[in-house]
Amino acid sequence: MGDDVILNKCSIIERCIQRIHEEYNDNPISLESYTKQDSIILNIQRGCEAAIDLAMHIVAENKWGIPQSSREVFDILLRENYIDESLTRSLKSMVGFRNIAVHNYQALNLLIVRQVIEKHLNDLRKFSRIMLQSSI
């Protein structure tokens, strides 16, 4: 049976992705609305944080070491053959985006937000599914 932490974090990731798609609606013009921007960016942050928490949990449960940063946790999962190099790069990029969103909101480039939505959300979902399958 799946670990409750894994199930919870995967559920959060899925809910965040769903909310992003609801607000974005495959329409870049959606980003012109500050309300939609806020909702989308907040849900990207939440999804990233859930992925980081999930990765930290997997690493801790397996006693694979103590990551020194959010990005490093994905390197550990790569080292342990939990995720591939491409997914590792994408997740680390999303952590970088999240850091900018959290600490320097004014510096967010809407083109980058759009790229995260259109190119990286599937990687977040893929990560969630891999972690969920590993808990079965």
Foldseek 3Di string as FASTA:
>chain_A
DFDPLLVVLLVLLVVLLVQLCVQCVVPLCSCVDPVSVVSNLVSLLSLLVSLLVLLQVVCVVVVQDDDPDSLVSLVSCCVVVLDDPVLSVLSSVSVVVSVCCVPPVVPDDSVVSVCCSVPRSVSSNVSSVSSRVVRD
